[in-house]
Amino acid sequence: MTNLWIATLGASTICYLLKLSGFLVPSTWLARPKLQRINELIPVVLLSALVAVQSLSTDSRVQVDHRLGGLIVAAIALRLKAPFPIMMLAAAIASAILYRFSL
């Protein structure tokens, strides 16, 4: 068994035990308004961090390129309440145009 398999099985076991321990938390603790507010914001924060890392980094360093232009166009489209497919198409087209003319 390789080190990769050992690490994978170990991480899977830890994740399973962590999920299992969630059933042991009393429901009165989870009903607190502050904890509920934090739980509502966690997905937003994680998705924002993922977008920032994928848009602004290459090989562990910050790089501003065509992806940032697509992200800005997507943000503008969302601000204008464009439907999701239209927003994605606009961002892809803007990114492609910037990529084509930046070389």
C-alpha atoms as a PDB file:
ATOM      1  CA  MET A   1       0.000   0.000   0.000  1.00  0.00           C
ATOM      2  CA  THR A   2       1.443   3.343  -1.060  1.00  0.00           C
ATOM      3  CA  ASN A   3       1.635   6.506   1.015  1.00  0.00           C
ATOM      4  CA  LEU A   4      -1.069   8.064  -1.154  1.00  0.00           C
ATOM      5  CA  TRP A   5      -3.521   5.304  -0.281  1.00  0.00           C
ATOM      6  CA  ILE A   6      -2.677   5.559   3.401  1.00  0.00           C
ATOM      7  CA  ALA A   7      -3.250   9.328   3.321  1.00  0.00           C
ATOM      8  CA  THR A   8      -6.516   8.892   1.401  1.00  0.00           C
ATOM      9  CA  LEU A   9      -7.857   6.273   3.802  1.00  0.00           C
ATOM     10  CA  GLY A  10      -6.734   8.310   6.816  1.00  0.00           C
ATOM     11  CA  ALA A  11      -8.385  11.478   5.536  1.00  0.00           C
ATOM     12  CA  SER A  12     -11.567   9.557   4.695  1.00  0.00           C
ATOM     13  CA  THR A  13     -11.684   8.083   8.198  1.00  0.00           C
ATOM     14  CA  ILE A  14     -11.194  11.489   9.800  1.00  0.00           C
ATOM     15  CA  CYS A  15     -13.948  13.017   7.626  1.00  0.00           C
ATOM     16  CA  TYR A  16     -16.328  10.175   8.495  1.00  0.00           C
ATOM     17  CA  LEU A  17     -15.639  10.508  12.229  1.00  0.00           C
ATOM     18  CA  LEU A  18     -16.093  14.276  12.039  1.00  0.00           C
ATOM     19  CA  LYS A  19     -19.424  13.865  10.270  1.00  0.00           C
ATOM     20  CA  LEU A  20     -20.473  11.206  12.778  1.00  0.00           C
ATOM     21  CA  SER A  21     -19.582  13.485  15.684  1.00  0.00           C
ATOM     22  CA  GLY A  22     -22.040  16.052  14.305  1.00  0.00           C
ATOM     23  CA  PHE A  23     -24.906  13.830  15.409  1.00  0.00           C
ATOM     24  CA  LEU A  24     -23.676  14.057  18.992  1.00  0.00           C
ATOM     25  CA  VAL A  25     -24.042  17.861  19.150  1.00  0.00           C
ATOM     26  CA  PRO A  26     -27.241  18.842  21.006  1.00  0.00           C
ATOM     27  CA  SER A  27     -29.809  20.530  18.789  1.00  0.00           C
ATOM     28  CA  THR A  28     -30.109  23.434  21.247  1.00  0.00           C
ATOM     29  CA  TRP A  29     -26.519  24.409  20.394  1.00  0.00           C
ATOM     30  CA  LEU A  30     -27.320  24.440  16.687  1.00  0.00           C
ATOM     31  CA  ALA A  31     -30.447  26.577  17.172  1.00  0.00           C
ATOM     32  CA  ARG A  32     -28.491  29.620  18.350  1.00  0.00           C
ATOM     33  CA  PRO A  33     -28.981  32.597  15.990  1.00  0.00           C
ATOM     34  CA  LYS A  34     -25.283  33.492  15.873  1.00  0.00           C
ATOM     35  CA  LEU A  35     -24.306  29.945  14.899  1.00  0.00           C
ATOM     36  CA  GLN A  36     -27.033  29.812  12.258  1.00  0.00           C
ATOM     37  CA  ARG A  37     -25.815  33.094  10.771  1.00  0.00           C
ATOM     38  CA  ILE A  38     -22.250  31.773  10.627  1.00  0.00           C
ATOM     39  CA  ASN A  39     -23.453  28.576   8.955  1.00  0.00           C
ATOM     40  CA  GLU A  40     -25.309  30.634   6.344  1.00  0.00           C
ATOM     41  CA  LEU A  41     -22.152  32.584   5.474  1.00  0.00           C
ATOM     42  CA  ILE A  42     -19.677  29.689   5.269  1.00  0.00           C
ATOM     43  CA  PRO A  43     -20.656  28.601   1.704  1.00  0.00           C
ATOM     44  CA  VAL A  44     -20.465  32.214   0.482  1.00  0.00           C
ATOM     45  CA  VAL A  45     -16.999  32.690   1.949  1.00  0.00           C
ATOM     46  CA  LEU A  46     -15.693  29.380   0.602  1.00  0.00           C
ATOM     47  CA  LEU A  47     -17.060  30.028  -2.889  1.00  0.00           C
ATOM     48  CA  SER A  48     -15.620  33.553  -2.884  1.00  0.00           C
ATOM     49  CA  ALA A  49     -12.217  32.219  -1.886  1.00  0.00           C
ATOM     50  CA  LEU A  50     -12.374  29.568  -4.607  1.00  0.00           C
ATOM     51  CA  VAL A  51     -13.261  32.157  -7.253  1.00  0.00           C
ATOM     52  CA  ALA A  52     -10.457  34.454  -6.108  1.00  0.00           C
ATOM     53  CA  VAL A  53      -7.847  31.689  -6.120  1.00  0.00           C
ATOM     54  CA  GLN A  54      -8.925  30.331  -9.497  1.00  0.00           C
ATOM     55  CA  SER A  55      -9.137  33.797 -11.081  1.00  0.00           C
ATOM     56  CA  LEU A  56      -6.057  35.485  -9.723  1.00  0.00           C
ATOM     57  CA  SER A  57      -3.408  32.824  -9.186  1.00  0.00           C
ATOM     58  CA  THR A  58      -1.096  30.694 -11.272  1.00  0.00           C
ATOM     59  CA  ASP A  59       1.523  28.424  -9.740  1.00  0.00           C
ATOM     60  CA  SER A  60       1.126  29.889  -6.232  1.00  0.00           C
ATOM     61  CA  ARG A  61       1.518  33.500  -7.302  1.00  0.00           C
ATOM     62  CA  VAL A  62      -0.875  36.306  -8.160  1.00  0.00           C
ATOM     63  CA  GLN A  63      -1.346  36.868 -11.863  1.00  0.00           C
ATOM     64  CA  VAL A  64      -3.764  39.319 -13.434  1.00  0.00           C
ATOM     65  CA  ASP A  65      -4.836  38.113 -16.875  1.00  0.00           C
ATOM     66  CA  HIS A  66      -7.907  37.506 -19.033  1.00  0.00           C
ATOM     67  CA  ARG A  67      -9.677  35.560 -16.259  1.00  0.00           C
ATOM     68  CA  LEU A  68     -10.065  38.722 -14.192  1.00  0.00           C
ATOM     69  CA  GLY A  69     -11.797  40.435 -17.115  1.00  0.00           C
ATOM     70  CA  GLY A  70     -14.260  37.560 -17.377  1.00  0.00           C
ATOM     71  CA  LEU A  71     -14.873  37.725 -13.644  1.00  0.00           C
ATOM     72  CA  ILE A  72     -15.580  41.462 -13.808  1.00  0.00           C
ATOM     73  CA  VAL A  73     -18.027  40.976 -16.697  1.00  0.00           C
ATOM     74  CA  ALA A  74     -19.732  38.172 -14.744  1.00  0.00           C
ATOM     75  CA  ALA A  75     -20.060  40.412 -11.682  1.00  0.00           C
ATOM     76  CA  ILE A  76     -21.574  43.202 -13.781  1.00  0.00           C
ATOM     77  CA  ALA A  77     -24.003  40.774 -15.419  1.00  0.00           C
ATOM     78  CA  LEU A  78     -25.063  39.453 -12.026  1.00  0.00           C
ATOM     79  CA  ARG A  79     -25.479  42.992 -10.725  1.00  0.00           C
ATOM     80  CA  LEU A  80     -27.780  43.675 -13.680  1.00  0.00           C
ATOM     81  CA  LYS A  81     -29.725  40.510 -12.729  1.00  0.00           C
ATOM     82  CA  ALA A  82     -28.884  38.653 -15.933  1.00  0.00           C
ATOM     83  CA  PRO A  83     -29.880  34.979 -16.032  1.00  0.00           C
ATOM     84  CA  PHE A  84     -27.107  32.542 -15.131  1.00  0.00           C
ATOM     85  CA  PRO A  85     -26.539  31.178 -18.686  1.00  0.00           C
ATOM     86  CA  ILE A  86     -26.306  34.718 -20.075  1.00  0.00           C
ATOM     87  CA  MET A  87     -23.850  35.694 -17.344  1.00  0.00           C
ATOM     88  CA  MET A  88     -21.672  32.650 -18.069  1.00  0.00           C
ATOM     89  CA  LEU A  89     -21.740  33.290 -21.809  1.00  0.00           C
ATOM     90  CA  ALA A  90     -20.859  36.969 -21.373  1.00  0.00           C
ATOM     91  CA  ALA A  91     -17.972  36.115 -19.037  1.00  0.00           C
ATOM     92  CA  ALA A  92     -16.646  33.454 -21.403  1.00  0.00           C
ATOM     93  CA  ILE A  93     -16.816  35.760 -24.411  1.00  0.00           C
ATOM     94  CA  ALA A  94     -15.117  38.612 -22.538  1.00  0.00           C
ATOM     95  CA  SER A  95     -12.393  36.299 -21.287  1.00  0.00           C
ATOM     96  CA  ALA A  96     -11.852  34.863 -24.763  1.00  0.00           C
ATOM     97  CA  ILE A  97     -11.610  38.321 -26.341  1.00  0.00           C
ATOM     98  CA  LEU A  98      -9.139  39.498 -23.715  1.00  0.00           C
ATOM     99  CA  TYR A  99      -7.105  36.298 -24.127  1.00  0.00           C
ATOM    100  CA  ARG A 100      -7.034  36.666 -27.909  1.00  0.00           C
ATOM    101  CA  PHE A 101      -5.839  40.273 -27.857  1.00  0.00           C
ATOM    102  CA  SER A 102      -3.433  40.004 -24.920  1.00  0.00           C
ATOM    103  CA  LEU A 103      -0.983  37.680 -26.659  1.00  0.00           C
END
